[in-house]
Amino acid sequence: MIDTIREKFDLRETDIKTYSPLTLAFMGDCVFDLYIRSILVANGNRGVNGLHKDKSNLVKAKAQAEMAEALQELLNDDEKEIYRRGRNAKTASSAKNADMSDYHKATGFEALLGYLYLQGKEERLLELVSSAVAFYQK
């Protein structure tokens, strides 16, 4: 999808590895939210309040931190490095509803997802999100 967006808006391709981990996490947060919303809506027409509650349970920092931990053995060296950079990034704000350890792991998780999305690696992104969600729903 990112290639289509770049083409439609005449955006130049950049070296994603030069992006800050927080920029990658900014993108990854949105991508993960979209995937989770897509999964929930595809499971049937329901009330928005129920959808929001279910979505919030999956995208909160504690859930993302647990998913990130579960995915570690599936990541290649490049992906581990992106996750580590995101996890170790210095943030200007503090976690609102999570402890700082979970918040940092969640930031690493989001940075990884943002990186994969911006690289156009949608198959790998879907594979990892699918594994993460399957792990969390056990």
Protein backbone atom coordinates (compact mmCIF):
# COMPACT_ATOMS: atom_id res chain seq x y z
CA MET A 1 0.00 0.00 0.00
CA ILE A 2 2.83 2.43 0.79
CA ASP A 3 4.08 2.16 -2.80
CA THR A 4 0.64 3.13 -4.09
CA ILE A 5 0.54 6.12 -1.72
CA ARG A 6 4.03 7.22 -2.79
CA GLU A 7 3.02 6.97 -6.44
CA LYS A 8 -0.33 8.74 -6.05
CA PHE A 9 1.15 11.66 -4.11
CA ASP A 10 4.45 11.75 -6.00
CA LEU A 11 6.50 11.12 -2.85
CA ARG A 12 10.16 10.30 -3.09
CA GLU A 13 11.49 7.10 -1.60
CA THR A 14 13.77 7.57 1.39
CA ASP A 15 16.09 5.37 3.40
CA ILE A 16 13.78 4.19 6.18
CA LYS A 17 16.76 3.18 8.33
CA THR A 18 17.55 6.88 8.77
CA TYR A 19 14.15 7.57 10.35
CA SER A 20 14.01 8.05 14.08
CA PRO A 21 12.52 5.13 15.97
CA LEU A 22 9.77 7.40 17.26
CA THR A 23 8.78 8.32 13.70
CA LEU A 24 8.61 4.61 12.88
CA ALA A 25 6.52 4.03 16.03
CA PHE A 26 4.19 6.88 15.02
CA MET A 27 3.51 5.02 11.77
CA GLY A 28 3.40 1.59 13.41
CA ASP A 29 0.82 2.73 15.95
CA CYS A 30 -1.51 3.68 13.12
CA VAL A 31 -0.84 0.52 11.11
CA PHE A 32 -1.45 -1.77 14.09
CA ASP A 33 -4.63 0.11 14.99
CA LEU A 34 -5.91 -0.25 11.41
CA TYR A 35 -5.15 -3.98 11.33
CA ILE A 36 -6.87 -4.59 14.66
CA ARG A 37 -9.91 -2.54 13.64
CA SER A 38 -10.06 -4.43 10.34
CA ILE A 39 -9.99 -7.78 12.15
CA LEU A 40 -12.70 -6.74 14.61
CA VAL A 41 -15.02 -5.31 11.96
CA ALA A 42 -14.50 -8.32 9.68
CA ASN A 43 -15.78 -10.52 12.51
CA GLY A 44 -19.23 -8.97 12.16
CA ASN A 45 -21.33 -5.87 12.53
CA ARG A 46 -21.39 -4.82 16.19
CA GLY A 47 -21.89 -1.77 18.31
CA VAL A 48 -19.13 0.81 18.20
CA ASN A 49 -18.67 0.80 21.99
CA GLY A 50 -17.96 -2.94 21.99
CA LEU A 51 -15.61 -2.60 19.04
CA HIS A 52 -13.75 0.23 20.78
CA LYS A 53 -13.41 -1.75 24.01
CA ASP A 54 -12.05 -4.81 22.20
CA LYS A 55 -9.70 -2.67 20.12
CA SER A 56 -8.40 -0.86 23.20
CA ASN A 57 -7.61 -4.16 24.90
CA LEU A 58 -5.36 -5.16 22.00
CA VAL A 59 -3.62 -1.87 21.25
CA LYS A 60 -2.79 -0.85 24.83
CA ALA A 61 0.88 -0.78 25.82
CA LYS A 62 0.70 -3.81 28.13
CA ALA A 63 -0.79 -5.99 25.37
CA GLN A 64 1.72 -4.74 22.81
CA ALA A 65 4.60 -5.35 25.24
CA GLU A 66 3.46 -8.96 25.72
CA MET A 67 3.11 -9.41 21.97
CA ALA A 68 6.58 -7.95 21.39
CA GLU A 69 8.12 -10.37 23.88
CA ALA A 70 6.36 -13.33 22.24
CA LEU A 71 7.59 -12.32 18.78
CA GLN A 72 11.29 -12.07 19.63
CA GLU A 73 12.16 -15.57 18.45
CA LEU A 74 10.46 -14.92 15.10
CA LEU A 75 12.42 -11.75 14.31
CA ASN A 76 15.46 -11.62 12.07
CA ASP A 77 18.52 -9.57 13.08
CA ASP A 78 17.40 -6.46 11.18
CA GLU A 79 13.94 -6.57 12.81
CA LYS A 80 15.47 -7.11 16.26
CA GLU A 81 17.62 -4.03 15.75
CA ILE A 82 14.63 -1.88 14.77
CA TYR A 83 12.68 -3.18 17.79
CA ARG A 84 15.66 -2.45 20.08
CA ARG A 85 16.02 1.09 18.72
CA GLY A 86 12.31 1.73 19.32
CA ARG A 87 12.37 0.19 22.79
CA ASN A 88 15.38 2.29 23.79
CA ALA A 89 14.15 5.57 22.28
CA LYS A 90 13.96 8.52 24.61
CA THR A 91 10.39 9.76 24.69
CA ALA A 92 9.31 13.27 25.60
CA SER A 93 6.15 12.04 27.30
CA SER A 94 5.48 9.42 29.91
CA ALA A 95 3.11 6.48 29.67
CA LYS A 96 -0.47 7.37 30.51
CA ASN A 97 -1.89 3.98 31.47
CA ALA A 98 1.13 1.68 31.51
CA ASP A 99 4.37 1.18 33.36
CA MET A 100 7.45 2.51 31.60
CA SER A 101 8.85 -0.93 30.80
CA ASP A 102 5.68 -1.92 28.92
CA TYR A 103 5.55 1.51 27.28
CA HIS A 104 9.09 1.14 25.91
CA LYS A 105 8.47 -2.42 24.67
CA ALA A 106 5.26 -1.23 22.99
CA THR A 107 7.18 1.61 21.34
CA GLY A 108 9.67 -0.95 20.02
CA PHE A 109 6.81 -3.09 18.72
CA GLU A 110 5.22 -0.11 16.98
CA ALA A 111 8.59 0.98 15.53
CA LEU A 112 9.03 -2.48 14.04
CA LEU A 113 5.56 -2.42 12.49
CA GLY A 114 6.10 1.08 11.12
CA TYR A 115 9.44 0.04 9.65
CA LEU A 116 7.95 -3.00 7.91
CA TYR A 117 5.05 -0.95 6.57
CA LEU A 118 7.28 1.80 5.22
CA GLN A 119 9.55 -0.82 3.64
CA GLY A 120 6.52 -2.23 1.82
CA LYS A 121 6.94 -5.60 3.55
CA GLU A 122 3.22 -6.20 3.96
CA GLU A 123 3.46 -10.02 3.96
CA ARG A 124 5.96 -9.96 6.81
CA LEU A 125 3.91 -7.35 8.63
CA LEU A 126 0.78 -9.50 8.36
CA GLU A 127 2.71 -12.57 9.49
CA LEU A 128 3.97 -10.84 12.64
CA VAL A 129 0.66 -9.17 13.48
CA SER A 130 -1.14 -12.48 13.00
CA SER A 131 1.33 -14.25 15.30
CA ALA A 132 1.12 -11.47 17.88
CA VAL A 133 -2.68 -11.46 17.97
CA ALA A 134 -2.83 -15.27 18.08
CA PHE A 135 -0.40 -15.29 21.01
CA TYR A 136 -2.33 -12.63 22.90
CA GLN A 137 -5.71 -14.29 22.42
CA LYS A 138 -4.53 -17.57 24.01
